[in-house]
Structure formats: C-alpha cells, structure tokens
N, C-alpha and C. Protein backbone atom coordinates (compact mmCIF):
# COMPACT_ATOMS: atom_id res chain seq x y z
N MET A 1 0.85 -1.17 0.00
CA MET A 1 0.00 0.00 0.00
C MET A 1 0.90 1.23 0.00
N GLN A 2 0.63 2.08 -0.95
CA GLN A 2 1.44 3.28 -1.12
C GLN A 2 0.54 4.48 -1.36
N LYS A 3 1.11 5.66 -1.17
CA LYS A 3 0.41 6.90 -1.49
C LYS A 3 1.44 7.96 -1.84
N GLN A 4 0.97 9.02 -2.44
CA GLN A 4 1.84 10.11 -2.86
C GLN A 4 2.16 11.01 -1.68
N CYS A 5 3.44 11.32 -1.48
CA CYS A 5 3.88 12.23 -0.43
C CYS A 5 3.77 13.66 -0.95
N SER A 6 3.70 14.61 -0.03
CA SER A 6 3.63 16.01 -0.44
C SER A 6 4.89 16.47 -1.17
N CYS A 7 6.00 15.74 -1.00
CA CYS A 7 7.24 16.09 -1.71
C CYS A 7 7.26 15.53 -3.13
N GLY A 8 6.25 14.70 -3.46
CA GLY A 8 6.17 14.13 -4.79
C GLY A 8 6.62 12.69 -4.89
N GLU A 9 7.30 12.20 -3.89
CA GLU A 9 7.76 10.82 -3.89
C GLU A 9 6.65 9.89 -3.36
N THR A 10 6.91 8.61 -3.40
CA THR A 10 5.94 7.62 -2.95
C THR A 10 6.18 7.27 -1.48
N MET A 11 5.10 7.25 -0.72
CA MET A 11 5.16 6.82 0.68
C MET A 11 4.73 5.37 0.75
N SER A 12 5.47 4.57 1.50
CA SER A 12 5.13 3.16 1.71
C SER A 12 4.67 2.97 3.14
N ILE A 13 3.83 1.98 3.33
CA ILE A 13 3.34 1.71 4.68
C ILE A 13 4.28 0.72 5.36
N ARG A 14 4.56 1.02 6.62
CA ARG A 14 5.44 0.17 7.43
C ARG A 14 4.85 0.07 8.83
N LEU A 15 5.21 -0.99 9.52
CA LEU A 15 4.82 -1.13 10.92
C LEU A 15 5.95 -0.54 11.75
N ARG A 16 5.64 0.54 12.47
CA ARG A 16 6.65 1.27 13.23
C ARG A 16 6.27 1.33 14.70
N THR A 17 7.18 1.83 15.50
CA THR A 17 6.93 2.04 16.93
C THR A 17 6.64 3.52 17.17
N VAL A 18 5.53 3.78 17.85
CA VAL A 18 5.17 5.14 18.24
C VAL A 18 5.46 5.26 19.73
N ILE A 19 6.15 6.32 20.12
CA ILE A 19 6.48 6.53 21.53
C ILE A 19 5.66 7.69 22.04
N PHE A 20 4.91 7.44 23.11
CA PHE A 20 4.04 8.45 23.72
C PHE A 20 4.67 8.92 25.02
N GLN A 21 4.92 10.22 25.10
CA GLN A 21 5.49 10.88 26.27
C GLN A 21 6.78 10.22 26.77
N ASN A 22 7.57 9.72 25.87
CA ASN A 22 8.85 9.07 26.19
C ASN A 22 8.71 7.92 27.19
N LYS A 23 7.50 7.39 27.36
CA LYS A 23 7.28 6.33 28.33
C LYS A 23 6.61 5.10 27.74
N VAL A 24 5.69 5.29 26.85
CA VAL A 24 4.91 4.17 26.32
C VAL A 24 5.31 3.92 24.87
N GLU A 25 5.83 2.72 24.62
CA GLU A 25 6.18 2.31 23.27
C GLU A 25 5.03 1.49 22.71
N ILE A 26 4.47 1.96 21.62
CA ILE A 26 3.37 1.27 20.96
C ILE A 26 3.93 0.69 19.66
N GLU A 27 4.13 -0.61 19.65
CA GLU A 27 4.78 -1.28 18.52
C GLU A 27 3.78 -1.73 17.47
N ASN A 28 4.27 -1.87 16.25
CA ASN A 28 3.50 -2.39 15.11
C ASN A 28 2.33 -1.48 14.71
N VAL A 29 2.60 -0.19 14.67
CA VAL A 29 1.60 0.79 14.24
C VAL A 29 1.80 1.04 12.74
N PRO A 30 0.75 0.86 11.92
CA PRO A 30 0.88 1.13 10.48
C PRO A 30 1.06 2.63 10.21
N ILE A 31 2.17 2.96 9.57
CA ILE A 31 2.52 4.35 9.30
C ILE A 31 3.04 4.46 7.87
N TYR A 32 2.56 5.48 7.15
CA TYR A 32 3.12 5.79 5.84
C TYR A 32 4.43 6.54 6.07
N SER A 33 5.48 6.17 5.34
CA SER A 33 6.78 6.82 5.48
C SER A 33 7.33 7.13 4.09
N CYS A 34 7.95 8.29 3.99
CA CYS A 34 8.62 8.70 2.76
C CYS A 34 10.13 8.60 2.98
N ASP A 35 10.79 7.80 2.16
CA ASP A 35 12.23 7.64 2.30
C ASP A 35 12.99 8.88 1.84
N ASP A 36 12.36 9.71 1.02
CA ASP A 36 13.04 10.87 0.47
C ASP A 36 13.09 12.03 1.47
N CYS A 37 11.92 12.45 1.98
CA CYS A 37 11.87 13.62 2.87
C CYS A 37 11.70 13.25 4.35
N GLN A 38 11.57 11.95 4.63
CA GLN A 38 11.42 11.43 6.00
C GLN A 38 10.09 11.77 6.65
N ARG A 39 9.12 12.22 5.87
CA ARG A 39 7.79 12.52 6.40
C ARG A 39 7.09 11.21 6.76
N SER A 40 6.34 11.24 7.86
CA SER A 40 5.57 10.07 8.29
C SER A 40 4.17 10.50 8.66
N GLU A 41 3.20 9.60 8.44
CA GLU A 41 1.83 9.86 8.89
C GLU A 41 1.13 8.54 9.16
N LEU A 42 0.20 8.59 10.10
CA LEU A 42 -0.55 7.39 10.46
C LEU A 42 -1.38 6.90 9.29
N PHE A 43 -1.53 5.61 9.21
CA PHE A 43 -2.43 4.99 8.24
C PHE A 43 -3.85 5.41 8.67
N PRO A 44 -4.58 6.16 7.84
CA PRO A 44 -5.86 6.75 8.27
C PRO A 44 -6.87 5.81 8.93
N PRO A 45 -7.06 4.56 8.48
CA PRO A 45 -8.06 3.72 9.13
C PRO A 45 -7.77 3.37 10.60
N ILE A 46 -6.52 3.53 11.06
CA ILE A 46 -6.22 3.18 12.45
C ILE A 46 -6.06 4.41 13.34
N LYS A 47 -6.14 5.59 12.75
CA LYS A 47 -5.88 6.82 13.51
C LYS A 47 -6.80 6.97 14.71
N GLN A 48 -8.09 6.77 14.51
CA GLN A 48 -9.06 6.92 15.60
C GLN A 48 -8.79 5.91 16.72
N GLU A 49 -8.46 4.69 16.34
CA GLU A 49 -8.20 3.65 17.32
C GLU A 49 -6.94 3.96 18.15
N LEU A 50 -5.89 4.43 17.48
CA LEU A 50 -4.65 4.77 18.18
C LEU A 50 -4.85 5.97 19.10
N THR A 51 -5.50 7.00 18.60
CA THR A 51 -5.72 8.18 19.45
C THR A 51 -6.63 7.85 20.62
N GLY A 52 -7.60 6.98 20.41
CA GLY A 52 -8.46 6.54 21.50
C GLY A 52 -7.68 5.80 22.57
N TYR A 53 -6.77 4.94 22.14
CA TYR A 53 -5.93 4.22 23.10
C TYR A 53 -5.04 5.19 23.87
N ILE A 54 -4.45 6.13 23.17
CA ILE A 54 -3.56 7.10 23.82
C ILE A 54 -4.33 7.91 24.87
N ARG A 55 -5.59 8.26 24.56
CA ARG A 55 -6.42 8.98 25.54
C ARG A 55 -6.59 8.18 26.83
N THR A 56 -6.68 6.85 26.71
CA THR A 56 -6.86 6.02 27.91
C THR A 56 -5.62 6.00 28.79
N LEU A 57 -4.48 6.38 28.24
CA LEU A 57 -3.24 6.37 29.02
C LEU A 57 -3.18 7.52 30.02
N GLY A 58 -3.93 8.59 29.76
CA GLY A 58 -3.92 9.73 30.66
C GLY A 58 -2.69 10.61 30.44
N SER A 59 -2.56 11.63 31.28
CA SER A 59 -1.49 12.60 31.10
C SER A 59 -0.16 12.15 31.71
N LYS A 60 -0.21 11.17 32.61
CA LYS A 60 1.02 10.68 33.23
C LYS A 60 1.06 9.15 33.18
N PRO A 61 1.28 8.60 31.99
CA PRO A 61 1.28 7.14 31.87
C PRO A 61 2.52 6.52 32.49
N GLU A 62 2.38 5.27 32.90
CA GLU A 62 3.53 4.52 33.37
C GLU A 62 4.26 3.93 32.18
N ALA A 63 5.54 3.69 32.35
CA ALA A 63 6.34 3.12 31.27
C ALA A 63 5.79 1.75 30.88
N ALA A 64 5.67 1.52 29.59
CA ALA A 64 5.14 0.25 29.11
C ALA A 64 5.47 0.08 27.63
N THR A 65 5.40 -1.16 27.20
CA THR A 65 5.49 -1.49 25.79
C THR A 65 4.24 -2.29 25.45
N VAL A 66 3.51 -1.83 24.43
CA VAL A 66 2.28 -2.52 24.02
C VAL A 66 2.37 -2.85 22.53
N LEU A 67 1.66 -3.89 22.15
CA LEU A 67 1.61 -4.30 20.75
C LEU A 67 0.29 -3.83 20.14
N PHE A 68 0.37 -2.88 19.25
CA PHE A 68 -0.83 -2.34 18.62
C PHE A 68 -1.53 -3.38 17.78
N ASP A 69 -0.79 -4.33 17.22
CA ASP A 69 -1.40 -5.37 16.40
C ASP A 69 -2.30 -6.30 17.21
N GLU A 70 -2.20 -6.26 18.53
CA GLU A 70 -3.12 -7.03 19.36
C GLU A 70 -4.40 -6.25 19.67
N MET A 71 -4.38 -4.94 19.44
CA MET A 71 -5.55 -4.08 19.67
C MET A 71 -6.33 -3.83 18.39
N SER A 72 -5.61 -3.73 17.30
CA SER A 72 -6.20 -3.35 16.02
C SER A 72 -6.17 -4.53 15.05
N GLU A 73 -7.33 -4.88 14.54
CA GLU A 73 -7.39 -5.98 13.57
C GLU A 73 -6.61 -5.65 12.30
N LEU A 74 -6.69 -4.40 11.83
CA LEU A 74 -5.95 -4.05 10.61
C LEU A 74 -4.44 -4.14 10.83
N ALA A 75 -3.97 -3.63 11.96
CA ALA A 75 -2.54 -3.74 12.27
C ALA A 75 -2.15 -5.20 12.43
N GLY A 76 -3.02 -5.99 13.06
CA GLY A 76 -2.75 -7.41 13.23
C GLY A 76 -2.65 -8.13 11.90
N LEU A 77 -3.55 -7.81 10.98
CA LEU A 77 -3.50 -8.43 9.66
C LEU A 77 -2.24 -8.01 8.90
N MET A 78 -1.88 -6.73 9.00
CA MET A 78 -0.66 -6.27 8.33
C MET A 78 0.57 -6.96 8.91
N HIS A 79 0.59 -7.12 10.21
CA HIS A 79 1.70 -7.81 10.86
C HIS A 79 1.78 -9.26 10.39
N LYS A 80 0.64 -9.91 10.32
CA LYS A 80 0.61 -11.31 9.91
C LYS A 80 1.00 -11.47 8.44
N VAL A 81 0.51 -10.60 7.58
CA VAL A 81 0.80 -10.66 6.15
C VAL A 81 2.29 -10.45 5.88
N THR A 82 2.94 -9.59 6.67
CA THR A 82 4.35 -9.29 6.43
C THR A 82 5.30 -10.23 7.16
N HIS A 83 4.78 -11.11 7.98
CA HIS A 83 5.64 -12.04 8.72
C HIS A 83 6.20 -13.08 7.76
N LYS A 84 7.47 -13.39 7.90
CA LYS A 84 8.13 -14.30 6.95
C LYS A 84 7.52 -15.69 6.92
N ASN A 85 6.91 -16.14 8.02
CA ASN A 85 6.28 -17.47 8.04
C ASN A 85 5.03 -17.54 7.18
N ASN A 86 4.51 -16.40 6.74
CA ASN A 86 3.27 -16.38 5.97
C ASN A 86 3.47 -16.01 4.50
N GLN A 87 4.69 -16.05 4.02
CA GLN A 87 4.99 -15.65 2.65
C GLN A 87 4.26 -16.50 1.62
N MET A 88 3.95 -17.74 1.96
CA MET A 88 3.32 -18.64 0.99
C MET A 88 1.82 -18.41 0.86
N TYR A 89 1.24 -17.57 1.72
CA TYR A 89 -0.20 -17.34 1.71
C TYR A 89 -0.54 -16.01 1.04
N THR A 90 -1.69 -15.97 0.41
CA THR A 90 -2.15 -14.71 -0.19
C THR A 90 -2.75 -13.83 0.91
N VAL A 91 -2.77 -12.55 0.65
CA VAL A 91 -3.38 -11.61 1.59
C VAL A 91 -4.85 -11.98 1.79
N GLU A 92 -5.53 -12.33 0.71
CA GLU A 92 -6.95 -12.68 0.80
C GLU A 92 -7.18 -13.89 1.69
N SER A 93 -6.30 -14.89 1.58
CA SER A 93 -6.49 -16.09 2.41
C SER A 93 -6.23 -15.80 3.89
N ILE A 94 -5.29 -14.92 4.18
CA ILE A 94 -5.01 -14.55 5.56
C ILE A 94 -6.19 -13.78 6.15
N ILE A 95 -6.76 -12.87 5.35
CA ILE A 95 -7.93 -12.11 5.81
C ILE A 95 -9.11 -13.06 6.02
N GLN A 96 -9.34 -13.94 5.07
CA GLN A 96 -10.46 -14.88 5.19
C GLN A 96 -10.30 -15.78 6.41
N GLU A 97 -9.09 -16.24 6.66
CA GLU A 97 -8.84 -17.09 7.84
C GLU A 97 -9.16 -16.33 9.13
N ARG A 98 -8.74 -15.06 9.20
CA ARG A 98 -8.99 -14.27 10.41
C ARG A 98 -10.47 -14.00 10.59
N VAL A 99 -11.18 -13.68 9.52
CA VAL A 99 -12.62 -13.45 9.62
C VAL A 99 -13.31 -14.73 10.11
N ASN A 100 -12.92 -15.87 9.58
CA ASN A 100 -13.50 -17.14 10.03
C ASN A 100 -13.21 -17.41 11.50
N GLU A 101 -11.98 -17.11 11.94
CA GLU A 101 -11.64 -17.26 13.36
C GLU A 101 -12.54 -16.38 14.23
N LEU A 102 -12.72 -15.14 13.79
CA LEU A 102 -13.55 -14.22 14.56
C LEU A 102 -15.01 -14.65 14.58
N LEU A 103 -15.51 -15.17 13.46
CA LEU A 103 -16.89 -15.66 13.44
C LEU A 103 -17.07 -16.86 14.37
N ASP A 104 -16.10 -17.75 14.39
CA ASP A 104 -16.15 -18.87 15.33
C ASP A 104 -16.13 -18.38 16.77
N THR A 105 -15.29 -17.40 17.03
CA THR A 105 -15.19 -16.82 18.38
C THR A 105 -16.50 -16.14 18.76
N LEU A 106 -17.13 -15.47 17.79
CA LEU A 106 -18.41 -14.81 18.05
C LEU A 106 -19.47 -15.84 18.46
N LEU A 107 -19.51 -16.96 17.76
CA LEU A 107 -20.47 -18.02 18.11
C LEU A 107 -20.21 -18.54 19.53
N LEU A 108 -18.96 -18.72 19.88
CA LEU A 108 -18.61 -19.19 21.22
C LEU A 108 -19.01 -18.16 22.28
N ALA A 109 -18.68 -16.91 22.02
CA ALA A 109 -19.02 -15.85 22.98
C ALA A 109 -20.53 -15.75 23.18
N LYS A 110 -21.28 -15.86 22.08
CA LYS A 110 -22.75 -15.82 22.18
C LYS A 110 -23.27 -17.02 22.96
N SER A 111 -22.72 -18.20 22.71
CA SER A 111 -23.20 -19.41 23.40
C SER A 111 -22.92 -19.35 24.90
N LEU A 112 -21.86 -18.63 25.28
CA LEU A 112 -21.53 -18.49 26.69
C LEU A 112 -22.26 -17.31 27.34
N GLY A 113 -22.95 -16.51 26.51
CA GLY A 113 -23.67 -15.36 27.03
C GLY A 113 -22.76 -14.24 27.52
N ASP A 114 -21.56 -14.16 26.98
CA ASP A 114 -20.59 -13.15 27.38
C ASP A 114 -20.75 -11.91 26.49
N ASP A 115 -21.59 -10.99 26.92
CA ASP A 115 -21.92 -9.82 26.10
C ASP A 115 -20.71 -8.94 25.79
N ALA A 116 -19.81 -8.77 26.76
CA ALA A 116 -18.62 -7.94 26.52
C ALA A 116 -17.73 -8.57 25.44
N TRP A 117 -17.59 -9.88 25.49
CA TRP A 117 -16.79 -10.58 24.50
C TRP A 117 -17.45 -10.50 23.13
N VAL A 118 -18.76 -10.64 23.08
CA VAL A 118 -19.50 -10.53 21.82
C VAL A 118 -19.25 -9.16 21.20
N GLU A 119 -19.34 -8.11 22.01
CA GLU A 119 -19.13 -6.76 21.48
C GLU A 119 -17.69 -6.55 21.01
N ASP A 120 -16.72 -7.11 21.73
CA ASP A 120 -15.33 -7.00 21.31
C ASP A 120 -15.11 -7.66 19.96
N VAL A 121 -15.67 -8.86 19.79
CA VAL A 121 -15.51 -9.59 18.52
C VAL A 121 -16.22 -8.85 17.39
N ARG A 122 -17.40 -8.33 17.66
CA ARG A 122 -18.12 -7.55 16.63
C ARG A 122 -17.31 -6.33 16.22
N HIS A 123 -16.70 -5.67 17.20
CA HIS A 123 -15.87 -4.50 16.91
C HIS A 123 -14.69 -4.89 16.01
N ARG A 124 -14.07 -6.02 16.31
CA ARG A 124 -12.94 -6.48 15.51
C ARG A 124 -13.37 -6.82 14.07
N LEU A 125 -14.51 -7.48 13.94
CA LEU A 125 -15.03 -7.77 12.60
C LEU A 125 -15.34 -6.49 11.84
N LYS A 126 -15.89 -5.52 12.54
CA LYS A 126 -16.23 -4.24 11.90
C LYS A 126 -14.97 -3.52 11.41
N GLN A 127 -13.87 -3.63 12.16
CA GLN A 127 -12.61 -3.00 11.72
C GLN A 127 -12.19 -3.56 10.35
N ILE A 128 -12.29 -4.86 10.22
CA ILE A 128 -11.87 -5.50 8.96
C ILE A 128 -12.85 -5.17 7.84
N THR A 129 -14.14 -5.36 8.08
CA THR A 129 -15.11 -5.17 7.01
C THR A 129 -15.23 -3.71 6.60
N SER A 130 -15.09 -2.78 7.53
CA SER A 130 -15.15 -1.35 7.17
C SER A 130 -14.01 -1.00 6.22
N HIS A 131 -12.83 -1.50 6.52
CA HIS A 131 -11.69 -1.20 5.66
C HIS A 131 -11.84 -1.88 4.29
N LEU A 132 -12.33 -3.11 4.27
CA LEU A 132 -12.49 -3.81 2.99
C LEU A 132 -13.53 -3.14 2.11
N THR A 133 -14.63 -2.69 2.70
CA THR A 133 -15.65 -2.03 1.87
C THR A 133 -15.13 -0.71 1.33
N THR A 134 -14.28 -0.02 2.07
CA THR A 134 -13.69 1.23 1.58
C THR A 134 -12.66 0.93 0.50
N THR A 135 -11.82 -0.07 0.74
CA THR A 135 -10.77 -0.42 -0.21
C THR A 135 -11.32 -0.90 -1.54
N TYR A 136 -12.34 -1.75 -1.46
CA TYR A 136 -12.89 -2.34 -2.69
C TYR A 136 -14.19 -1.69 -3.14
N ARG A 137 -14.54 -0.56 -2.53
CA ARG A 137 -15.75 0.23 -2.89
C ARG A 137 -17.00 -0.66 -2.93
N LEU A 138 -17.18 -1.42 -1.87
CA LEU A 138 -18.33 -2.31 -1.79
C LEU A 138 -19.55 -1.62 -1.19
N SER A 139 -19.34 -0.46 -0.62
CA SER A 139 -20.49 0.22 0.01
C SER A 139 -21.09 1.26 -0.90
C-alpha cells in the first residue's frame, strides 16, 4: 500500500513504533513513510483507534510497551501478512482465515452469554469489514 507524499515521492506503509510521552512504546503501528523527505503519517483507518488508546493512558502514563497489532485488527493483519512465516499465503487467504476465526469466536461468545466478548468480537469484525468495503468500494 502506497500513497503520494507532499514532496512528490511515494510513501510506503510500514509497521513502526510510536512513543508516547517518552514512556509508552506502541509497537507495530501502520505508518506511511517517505524515504526521500522522511515525512511520516498514520495509516488513516487506524488513527481513531490509536488516538483513543492514547487517551486512555492519561497525562502521566507509566512506562510500558504494548503491541498495537493485538488491539487493532488491521494492524494485526498487516503484521501477519508481512511475517516471513506467511509468505506462501495470499493476503486474501489470511484475511479470510482471520474473519472465520472471529466468526467462530463470536459463536462461542454468544453461546456463553458473554456480552462484553460478543461486542469486542463484533468491533474487531467491523474493523476488517469497514476497511475492505472502503478499499474495494463495496459500500
């Protein structure tokens, strides 16, 4: 995934570490980066999720390292797609496998009557489907 930088060069998406207040390292955050001018910007579909997480840290967070790919389905999928153990799989098959896992988890959460878990899984499915409908203009 690439986009045009304001300097005219191409920006590529990479999973980077974002450091908040020199205390909290948030790893595997999708960020567009330009190798020419060094400009960086968040991948727009995850911006709201990252800023929401940062708000929960408060003004005086404790030192920590967190994995954004465990919070964000899109970051998780990007991490999985770029992992060397998954080179033999297509992006579509990795996405389909994750959606199927989430649907199975949703059925389990519903059968156990765990409303919080059901909502978490629905939120994760929505992250994937919202991005896919935007990417492939399905809406």
